[in-house]
Each structure stands twice: as structure tokens, then as C-alpha cells.
Amino acid sequence: MRILEIKEIIRKDVPIYYRRLYSGILVIELINKPIERKIDFSIEIKPTGQKDILVTLAEPIDYPLVPLLRELKKFINEIESNGQLPPL
């Protein structure tokens, strides 16, 4: 399993300034075949300054969820740190 990209990322308008909600299409490679699934994710900044990333898969994936979600959270943290998420 390899995460290729999250495309068509849309930021949703949320009145809470420390929480950002996004939706997009996850593209992963399973057994040398790209698979696309809709996802929703949020990034919340805690009072301590830590980021809390929550991911929801809208469609099932035939792969164990724990390692997939762990890698997906790392990927989202990386693209957020690089400024690749859309502004409001």
C-alpha cells in the first residue's frame, strides 16, 4: 500500500477557528493498481499547539484500516506543513 495523493481537496467553512475540515479523493496504490476513495478529514489545533488529525473514509477499502489511517495521517500532516492544503 502506498498513498499517491489526495486530489480535489475542498475546505469546508467552519466557524471554529482552530478546526479545519476538508474533503477530497484519496488515491492509493494496492497491488500495483491505483484505487480512488472519497475521504473527509479534519485538522484541529489543541491548546497545547499539537495537531489532531481525524480521517473518515466514505467508502470501504480492502486493506487493514489501522496502518492505512496511520500513514494517511502522516501524509496529511506533511502536505499541511508544506502549505499544500487550500485556504478558505
PDB file of N, CA and C in Angstrom:
ATOM      1  N   MET A   1       0.848  -1.176   0.000  1.00  0.00           N
ATOM      2  CA  MET A   1       0.000   0.000   0.000  1.00  0.00           C
ATOM      3  C   MET A   1       0.886   1.229   0.000  1.00  0.00           C
ATOM      4  N   ARG A   2       0.560   2.150  -0.895  1.00  0.00           N
ATOM      5  CA  ARG A   2       1.283   3.412  -0.971  1.00  0.00           C
ATOM      6  C   ARG A   2       0.298   4.525  -1.272  1.00  0.00           C
ATOM      7  N   ILE A   3       0.375   5.610  -0.523  1.00  0.00           N
ATOM      8  CA  ILE A   3      -0.500   6.756  -0.766  1.00  0.00           C
ATOM      9  C   ILE A   3       0.118   7.585  -1.878  1.00  0.00           C
ATOM     10  N   LEU A   4      -0.627   7.771  -2.958  1.00  0.00           N
ATOM     11  CA  LEU A   4      -0.124   8.545  -4.086  1.00  0.00           C
ATOM     12  C   LEU A   4      -0.445  10.022  -3.937  1.00  0.00           C
ATOM     13  N   GLU A   5      -1.712  10.336  -3.633  1.00  0.00           N
ATOM     14  CA  GLU A   5      -2.112  11.737  -3.493  1.00  0.00           C
ATOM     15  C   GLU A   5      -3.521  11.831  -2.918  1.00  0.00           C
ATOM     16  N   ILE A   6      -3.860  13.042  -2.533  1.00  0.00           N
ATOM     17  CA  ILE A   6      -5.249  13.381  -2.221  1.00  0.00           C
ATOM     18  C   ILE A   6      -5.591  14.502  -3.187  1.00  0.00           C
ATOM     19  N   LYS A   7      -6.534  14.237  -4.080  1.00  0.00           N
ATOM     20  CA  LYS A   7      -6.862  15.236  -5.095  1.00  0.00           C
ATOM     21  C   LYS A   7      -8.243  15.827  -4.847  1.00  0.00           C
ATOM     22  N   GLU A   8      -8.498  16.936  -5.523  1.00  0.00           N
ATOM     23  CA  GLU A   8      -9.770  17.650  -5.419  1.00  0.00           C
ATOM     24  C   GLU A   8     -10.110  17.988  -3.966  1.00  0.00           C
ATOM     25  N   ILE A   9      -9.124  18.490  -3.240  1.00  0.00           N
ATOM     26  CA  ILE A   9      -9.326  18.842  -1.833  1.00  0.00           C
ATOM     27  C   ILE A   9     -10.135  20.129  -1.743  1.00  0.00           C
ATOM     28  N   ILE A  10     -11.187  20.080  -0.960  1.00  0.00           N
ATOM     29  CA  ILE A  10     -12.063  21.238  -0.749  1.00  0.00           C
ATOM     30  C   ILE A  10     -12.121  21.512   0.751  1.00  0.00           C
ATOM     31  N   ARG A  11     -11.891  22.772   1.126  1.00  0.00           N
ATOM     32  CA  ARG A  11     -12.002  23.150   2.534  1.00  0.00           C
ATOM     33  C   ARG A  11     -13.427  23.595   2.810  1.00  0.00           C
ATOM     34  N   LYS A  12     -13.999  23.067   3.875  1.00  0.00           N
ATOM     35  CA  LYS A  12     -15.356  23.415   4.266  1.00  0.00           C
ATOM     36  C   LYS A  12     -15.322  24.578   5.251  1.00  0.00           C
ATOM     37  N   ASP A  13     -16.320  25.435   5.160  1.00  0.00           N
ATOM     38  CA  ASP A  13     -16.399  26.600   6.033  1.00  0.00           C
ATOM     39  C   ASP A  13     -16.889  26.177   7.417  1.00  0.00           C
ATOM     40  N   VAL A  14     -16.057  26.416   8.434  1.00  0.00           N
ATOM     41  CA  VAL A  14     -16.382  26.075   9.819  1.00  0.00           C
ATOM     42  C   VAL A  14     -16.143  27.327  10.668  1.00  0.00           C
ATOM     43  N   PRO A  15     -17.107  27.723  11.496  1.00  0.00           N
ATOM     44  CA  PRO A  15     -16.936  28.950  12.292  1.00  0.00           C
ATOM     45  C   PRO A  15     -15.924  28.834  13.432  1.00  0.00           C
ATOM     46  N   ILE A  16     -15.437  27.648  13.715  1.00  0.00           N
ATOM     47  CA  ILE A  16     -14.464  27.457  14.791  1.00  0.00           C
ATOM     48  C   ILE A  16     -13.068  27.625  14.192  1.00  0.00           C
ATOM     49  N   TYR A  17     -12.320  28.620  14.681  1.00  0.00           N
ATOM     50  CA  TYR A  17     -11.058  28.992  14.056  1.00  0.00           C
ATOM     51  C   TYR A  17      -9.951  27.947  14.219  1.00  0.00           C
ATOM     52  N   TYR A  18     -10.017  27.092  15.227  1.00  0.00           N
ATOM     53  CA  TYR A  18      -8.948  26.122  15.455  1.00  0.00           C
ATOM     54  C   TYR A  18      -9.226  24.761  14.815  1.00  0.00           C
ATOM     55  N   ARG A  19     -10.310  24.654  14.060  1.00  0.00           N
ATOM     56  CA  ARG A  19     -10.657  23.404  13.380  1.00  0.00           C
ATOM     57  C   ARG A  19     -10.855  23.673  11.895  1.00  0.00           C
ATOM     58  N   ARG A  20     -10.218  22.863  11.065  1.00  0.00           N
ATOM     59  CA  ARG A  20     -10.374  22.972   9.620  1.00  0.00           C
ATOM     60  C   ARG A  20     -10.861  21.634   9.073  1.00  0.00           C
ATOM     61  N   LEU A  21     -11.925  21.664   8.287  1.00  0.00           N
ATOM     62  CA  LEU A  21     -12.495  20.457   7.704  1.00  0.00           C
ATOM     63  C   LEU A  21     -12.244  20.445   6.199  1.00  0.00           C
ATOM     64  N   TYR A  22     -11.911  19.279   5.681  1.00  0.00           N
ATOM     65  CA  TYR A  22     -11.620  19.121   4.261  1.00  0.00           C
ATOM     66  C   TYR A  22     -12.306  17.854   3.737  1.00  0.00           C
ATOM     67  N   SER A  23     -12.528  17.830   2.442  1.00  0.00           N
ATOM     68  CA  SER A  23     -12.953  16.606   1.768  1.00  0.00           C
ATOM     69  C   SER A  23     -12.132  16.486   0.495  1.00  0.00           C
ATOM     70  N   GLY A  24     -11.979  15.270   0.018  1.00  0.00           N
ATOM     71  CA  GLY A  24     -11.181  15.056  -1.181  1.00  0.00           C
ATOM     72  C   GLY A  24     -11.270  13.613  -1.629  1.00  0.00           C
ATOM     73  N   ILE A  25     -10.442  13.295  -2.598  1.00  0.00           N
ATOM     74  CA  ILE A  25     -10.401  11.939  -3.139  1.00  0.00           C
ATOM     75  C   ILE A  25      -8.999  11.378  -2.902  1.00  0.00           C
ATOM     76  N   LEU A  26      -8.941  10.293  -2.149  1.00  0.00           N
ATOM     77  CA  LEU A  26      -7.691   9.625  -1.828  1.00  0.00           C
ATOM     78  C   LEU A  26      -7.322   8.685  -2.965  1.00  0.00           C
ATOM     79  N   VAL A  27      -6.084   8.753  -3.413  1.00  0.00           N
ATOM     80  CA  VAL A  27      -5.576   7.842  -4.439  1.00  0.00           C
ATOM     81  C   VAL A  27      -4.461   7.036  -3.803  1.00  0.00           C
ATOM     82  N   ILE A  28      -4.678   5.724  -3.683  1.00  0.00           N
ATOM     83  CA  ILE A  28      -3.661   4.832  -3.132  1.00  0.00           C
ATOM     84  C   ILE A  28      -3.363   3.725  -4.124  1.00  0.00           C
ATOM     85  N   GLU A  29      -2.211   3.122  -3.948  1.00  0.00           N
ATOM     86  CA  GLU A  29      -1.809   2.013  -4.808  1.00  0.00           C
ATOM     87  C   GLU A  29      -1.839   0.730  -3.991  1.00  0.00           C
ATOM     88  N   LEU A  30      -2.674  -0.195  -4.407  1.00  0.00           N
ATOM     89  CA  LEU A  30      -2.761  -1.516  -3.786  1.00  0.00           C
ATOM     90  C   LEU A  30      -2.460  -2.556  -4.853  1.00  0.00           C
ATOM     91  N   ILE A  31      -1.439  -3.341  -4.624  1.00  0.00           N
ATOM     92  CA  ILE A  31      -1.037  -4.394  -5.553  1.00  0.00           C
ATOM     93  C   ILE A  31      -0.862  -3.829  -6.969  1.00  0.00           C
ATOM     94  N   ASN A  32      -0.091  -2.752  -7.062  1.00  0.00           N
ATOM     95  CA  ASN A  32       0.232  -2.091  -8.332  1.00  0.00           C
ATOM     96  C   ASN A  32      -0.994  -1.613  -9.097  1.00  0.00           C
ATOM     97  N   LYS A  33      -2.068  -1.302  -8.391  1.00  0.00           N
ATOM     98  CA  LYS A  33      -3.290  -0.821  -9.024  1.00  0.00           C
ATOM     99  C   LYS A  33      -3.789   0.394  -8.244  1.00  0.00           C
ATOM    100  N   PRO A  34      -3.946   1.552  -8.914  1.00  0.00           N
ATOM    101  CA  PRO A  34      -4.446   2.728  -8.192  1.00  0.00           C
ATOM    102  C   PRO A  34      -5.936   2.600  -7.867  1.00  0.00           C
ATOM    103  N   ILE A  35      -6.293   2.999  -6.654  1.00  0.00           N
ATOM    104  CA  ILE A  35      -7.677   2.952  -6.187  1.00  0.00           C
ATOM    105  C   ILE A  35      -8.033   4.330  -5.648  1.00  0.00           C
ATOM    106  N   GLU A  36      -9.216   4.809  -5.971  1.00  0.00           N
ATOM    107  CA  GLU A  36      -9.685   6.113  -5.507  1.00  0.00           C
ATOM    108  C   GLU A  36     -10.863   5.925  -4.559  1.00  0.00           C
ATOM    109  N   ARG A  37     -10.827   6.657  -3.439  1.00  0.00           N
ATOM    110  CA  ARG A  37     -11.907   6.631  -2.459  1.00  0.00           C
ATOM    111  C   ARG A  37     -12.130   8.040  -1.922  1.00  0.00           C
ATOM    112  N   LYS A  38     -13.383   8.367  -1.642  1.00  0.00           N
ATOM    113  CA  LYS A  38     -13.706   9.668  -1.048  1.00  0.00           C
ATOM    114  C   LYS A  38     -13.356   9.641   0.431  1.00  0.00           C
ATOM    115  N   ILE A  39     -12.791  10.763   0.904  1.00  0.00           N
ATOM    116  CA  ILE A  39     -12.457  10.876   2.317  1.00  0.00           C
ATOM    117  C   ILE A  39     -12.836  12.261   2.832  1.00  0.00           C
ATOM    118  N   ASP A  40     -13.028  12.352   4.120  1.00  0.00           N
ATOM    119  CA  ASP A  40     -13.183  13.612   4.838  1.00  0.00           C
ATOM    120  C   ASP A  40     -12.122  13.599   5.924  1.00  0.00           C
ATOM    121  N   PHE A  41     -11.498  14.745   6.169  1.00  0.00           N
ATOM    122  CA  PHE A  41     -10.534  14.820   7.253  1.00  0.00           C
ATOM    123  C   PHE A  41     -10.571  16.190   7.891  1.00  0.00           C
ATOM    124  N   SER A  42     -10.152  16.220   9.139  1.00  0.00           N
ATOM    125  CA  SER A  42     -10.119  17.484   9.871  1.00  0.00           C
ATOM    126  C   SER A  42      -8.770  17.624  10.554  1.00  0.00           C
ATOM    127  N   ILE A  43      -8.364  18.879  10.702  1.00  0.00           N
ATOM    128  CA  ILE A  43      -7.144  19.206  11.436  1.00  0.00           C
ATOM    129  C   ILE A  43      -7.563  20.167  12.538  1.00  0.00           C
ATOM    130  N   GLU A  44      -7.339  19.751  13.761  1.00  0.00           N
ATOM    131  CA  GLU A  44      -7.702  20.580  14.908  1.00  0.00           C
ATOM    132  C   GLU A  44      -6.436  20.906  15.694  1.00  0.00           C
ATOM    133  N   ILE A  45      -6.268  22.173  16.022  1.00  0.00           N
ATOM    134  CA  ILE A  45      -5.121  22.603  16.815  1.00  0.00           C
ATOM    135  C   ILE A  45      -5.545  22.643  18.278  1.00  0.00           C
ATOM    136  N   LYS A  46      -4.891  21.838  19.095  1.00  0.00           N
ATOM    137  CA  LYS A  46      -5.196  21.783  20.523  1.00  0.00           C
ATOM    138  C   LYS A  46      -4.584  22.991  21.234  1.00  0.00           C
ATOM    139  N   PRO A  47      -5.038  23.304  22.447  1.00  0.00           N
ATOM    140  CA  PRO A  47      -4.469  24.438  23.191  1.00  0.00           C
ATOM    141  C   PRO A  47      -2.957  24.324  23.414  1.00  0.00           C
ATOM    142  N   THR A  48      -2.444  23.101  23.399  1.00  0.00           N
ATOM    143  CA  THR A  48      -1.004  22.901  23.578  1.00  0.00           C
ATOM    144  C   THR A  48      -0.218  23.139  22.297  1.00  0.00           C
ATOM    145  N   GLY A  49      -0.917  23.343  21.182  1.00  0.00           N
ATOM    146  CA  GLY A  49      -0.265  23.575  19.900  1.00  0.00           C
ATOM    147  C   GLY A  49      -0.126  22.327  19.051  1.00  0.00           C
ATOM    148  N   GLN A  50      -0.505  21.171  19.581  1.00  0.00           N
ATOM    149  CA  GLN A  50      -0.433  19.929  18.824  1.00  0.00           C
ATOM    150  C   GLN A  50      -1.561  19.854  17.806  1.00  0.00           C
ATOM    151  N   LYS A  51      -1.300  19.180  16.693  1.00  0.00           N
ATOM    152  CA  LYS A  51      -2.320  18.966  15.668  1.00  0.00           C
ATOM    153  C   LYS A  51      -2.977  17.614  15.900  1.00  0.00           C
ATOM    154  N   ASP A  52      -4.296  17.597  15.826  1.00  0.00           N
ATOM    155  CA  ASP A  52      -5.055  16.362  15.928  1.00  0.00           C
ATOM    156  C   ASP A  52      -5.737  16.154  14.584  1.00  0.00           C
ATOM    157  N   ILE A  53      -5.361  15.093  13.885  1.00  0.00           N
ATOM    158  CA  ILE A  53      -5.897  14.827  12.550  1.00  0.00           C
ATOM    159  C   ILE A  53      -6.846  13.641  12.640  1.00  0.00           C
ATOM    160  N   LEU A  54      -8.076  13.845  12.171  1.00  0.00           N
ATOM    161  CA  LEU A  54      -9.089  12.790  12.131  1.00  0.00           C
ATOM    162  C   LEU A  54      -9.453  12.526  10.686  1.00  0.00           C
ATOM    163  N   VAL A  55      -9.545  11.258  10.306  1.00  0.00           N
ATOM    164  CA  VAL A  55      -9.837  10.873   8.932  1.00  0.00           C
ATOM    165  C   VAL A  55     -11.052   9.962   8.916  1.00  0.00           C
ATOM    166  N   THR A  56     -11.969  10.225   7.972  1.00  0.00           N
ATOM    167  CA  THR A  56     -13.142   9.374   7.782  1.00  0.00           C
ATOM    168  C   THR A  56     -13.171   8.929   6.327  1.00  0.00           C
ATOM    169  N   LEU A  57     -13.232   7.629   6.124  1.00  0.00           N
ATOM    170  CA  LEU A  57     -13.341   7.081   4.777  1.00  0.00           C
ATOM    171  C   LEU A  57     -14.808   6.929   4.430  1.00  0.00           C
ATOM    172  N   ALA A  58     -15.237   7.530   3.330  1.00  0.00           N
ATOM    173  CA  ALA A  58     -16.640   7.465   2.931  1.00  0.00           C
ATOM    174  C   ALA A  58     -16.969   6.138   2.255  1.00  0.00           C
ATOM    175  N   GLU A  59     -15.942   5.463   1.744  1.00  0.00           N
ATOM    176  CA  GLU A  59     -16.137   4.197   1.057  1.00  0.00           C
ATOM    177  C   GLU A  59     -15.148   3.174   1.618  1.00  0.00           C
ATOM    178  N   PRO A  60     -15.538   1.905   1.705  1.00  0.00           N
ATOM    179  CA  PRO A  60     -14.630   0.899   2.271  1.00  0.00           C
ATOM    180  C   PRO A  60     -13.434   0.615   1.358  1.00  0.00           C
ATOM    181  N   ILE A  61     -12.332   0.227   1.993  1.00  0.00           N
ATOM    182  CA  ILE A  61     -11.113  -0.157   1.283  1.00  0.00           C
ATOM    183  C   ILE A  61     -10.732  -1.548   1.756  1.00  0.00           C
ATOM    184  N   ASP A  62     -10.365  -2.403   0.832  1.00  0.00           N
ATOM    185  CA  ASP A  62      -9.990  -3.772   1.174  1.00  0.00           C
ATOM    186  C   ASP A  62      -8.521  -3.801   1.605  1.00  0.00           C
ATOM    187  N   TYR A  63      -8.282  -3.182   2.774  1.00  0.00           N
ATOM    188  CA  TYR A  63      -6.932  -3.105   3.345  1.00  0.00           C
ATOM    189  C   TYR A  63      -7.111  -2.843   4.835  1.00  0.00           C
ATOM    190  N   PRO A  64      -6.236  -3.343   5.691  1.00  0.00           N
ATOM    191  CA  PRO A  64      -6.375  -3.088   7.136  1.00  0.00           C
ATOM    192  C   PRO A  64      -6.388  -1.588   7.447  1.00  0.00           C
ATOM    193  N   LEU A  65      -7.359  -1.155   8.231  1.00  0.00           N
ATOM    194  CA  LEU A  65      -7.562   0.273   8.462  1.00  0.00           C
ATOM    195  C   LEU A  65      -6.506   0.921   9.360  1.00  0.00           C
ATOM    196  N   VAL A  66      -6.008   0.227  10.354  1.00  0.00           N
ATOM    197  CA  VAL A  66      -5.072   0.853  11.288  1.00  0.00           C
ATOM    198  C   VAL A  66      -3.803   1.332  10.581  1.00  0.00           C
ATOM    199  N   PRO A  67      -3.115   0.489   9.803  1.00  0.00           N
ATOM    200  CA  PRO A  67      -1.922   1.007   9.120  1.00  0.00           C
ATOM    201  C   PRO A  67      -2.262   2.050   8.055  1.00  0.00           C
ATOM    202  N   LEU A  68      -3.404   1.909   7.401  1.00  0.00           N
ATOM    203  CA  LEU A  68      -3.810   2.876   6.382  1.00  0.00           C
ATOM    204  C   LEU A  68      -4.047   4.246   7.012  1.00  0.00           C
ATOM    205  N   LEU A  69      -4.797   4.295   8.113  1.00  0.00           N
ATOM    206  CA  LEU A  69      -5.080   5.573   8.777  1.00  0.00           C
ATOM    207  C   LEU A  69      -3.817   6.202   9.350  1.00  0.00           C
ATOM    208  N   ARG A  70      -2.908   5.377   9.875  1.00  0.00           N
ATOM    209  CA  ARG A  70      -1.646   5.901  10.412  1.00  0.00           C
ATOM    210  C   ARG A  70      -0.835   6.587   9.308  1.00  0.00           C
ATOM    211  N   GLU A  71      -0.702   5.934   8.155  1.00  0.00           N
ATOM    212  CA  GLU A  71       0.044   6.512   7.042  1.00  0.00           C
ATOM    213  C   GLU A  71      -0.677   7.721   6.456  1.00  0.00           C
ATOM    214  N   LEU A  72      -1.984   7.672   6.432  1.00  0.00           N
ATOM    215  CA  LEU A  72      -2.774   8.780   5.902  1.00  0.00           C
ATOM    216  C   LEU A  72      -2.634  10.024   6.779  1.00  0.00           C
ATOM    217  N   LYS A  73      -2.617   9.848   8.082  1.00  0.00           N
ATOM    218  CA  LYS A  73      -2.422  10.984   8.992  1.00  0.00           C
ATOM    219  C   LYS A  73      -1.038  11.599   8.809  1.00  0.00           C
ATOM    220  N   LYS A  74      -0.023  10.763   8.624  1.00  0.00           N
ATOM    221  CA  LYS A  74       1.329  11.271   8.355  1.00  0.00           C
ATOM    222  C   LYS A  74       1.346  12.058   7.046  1.00  0.00           C
ATOM    223  N   PHE A  75       0.676  11.528   6.018  1.00  0.00           N
ATOM    224  CA  PHE A  75       0.631  12.179   4.705  1.00  0.00           C
ATOM    225  C   PHE A  75      -0.073  13.529   4.799  1.00  0.00           C
ATOM    226  N   ILE A  76      -1.201  13.577   5.500  1.00  0.00           N
ATOM    227  CA  ILE A  76      -1.953  14.828   5.652  1.00  0.00           C
ATOM    228  C   ILE A  76      -1.128  15.846   6.436  1.00  0.00           C
ATOM    229  N   ASN A  77      -0.455  15.410   7.482  1.00  0.00           N
ATOM    230  CA  ASN A  77       0.392  16.315   8.260  1.00  0.00           C
ATOM    231  C   ASN A  77       1.507  16.896   7.387  1.00  0.00           C
ATOM    232  N   GLU A  78       2.072  16.080   6.526  1.00  0.00           N
ATOM    233  CA  GLU A  78       3.145  16.531   5.642  1.00  0.00           C
ATOM    234  C   GLU A  78       2.651  17.557   4.622  1.00  0.00           C
ATOM    235  N   ILE A  79       1.506  17.283   3.972  1.00  0.00           N
ATOM    236  CA  ILE A  79       1.024  18.247   2.974  1.00  0.00           C
ATOM    237  C   ILE A  79       0.531  19.530   3.643  1.00  0.00           C
ATOM    238  N   GLU A  80       0.035  19.428   4.882  1.00  0.00           N
ATOM    239  CA  GLU A  80      -0.385  20.625   5.597  1.00  0.00           C
ATOM    240  C   GLU A  80       0.833  21.467   5.980  1.00  0.00           C
ATOM    241  N   SER A  81       1.900  20.815   6.414  1.00  0.00           N
ATOM    242  CA  SER A  81       3.124  21.525   6.782  1.00  0.00           C
ATOM    243  C   SER A  81       3.787  22.190   5.581  1.00  0.00           C
ATOM    244  N   ASN A  82       3.623  21.589   4.406  1.00  0.00           N
ATOM    245  CA  ASN A  82       4.192  22.142   3.180  1.00  0.00           C
ATOM    246  C   ASN A  82       3.296  23.214   2.541  1.00  0.00           C
ATOM    247  N   GLY A  83       2.129  23.477   3.138  1.00  0.00           N
ATOM    248  CA  GLY A  83       1.228  24.510   2.618  1.00  0.00           C
ATOM    249  C   GLY A  83       0.472  24.088   1.371  1.00  0.00           C
ATOM    250  N   GLN A  84       0.224  22.793   1.198  1.00  0.00           N
ATOM    251  CA  GLN A  84      -0.449  22.292   0.010  1.00  0.00           C
ATOM    252  C   GLN A  84      -1.957  22.142   0.172  1.00  0.00           C
ATOM    253  N   LEU A  85      -2.498  22.486   1.341  1.00  0.00           N
ATOM    254  CA  LEU A  85      -3.948  22.434   1.529  1.00  0.00           C
ATOM    255  C   LEU A  85      -4.538  23.779   1.133  1.00  0.00           C
ATOM    256  N   PRO A  86      -5.739  23.770   0.538  1.00  0.00           N
ATOM    257  CA  PRO A  86      -6.328  25.026   0.073  1.00  0.00           C
ATOM    258  C   PRO A  86      -6.786  25.921   1.226  1.00  0.00           C
ATOM    259  N   PRO A  87      -6.634  27.241   1.058  1.00  0.00           N
ATOM    260  CA  PRO A  87      -7.167  28.167   2.056  1.00  0.00           C
ATOM    261  C   PRO A  87      -8.675  28.280   1.905  1.00  0.00           C
ATOM    262  N   LEU A  88      -9.300  28.931   2.836  1.00  0.00           N
ATOM    263  CA  LEU A  88     -10.757  29.104   2.793  1.00  0.00           C
ATOM    264  C   LEU A  88     -11.167  30.069   1.708  1.00  0.00           C
TER     265      LEU A  88
END
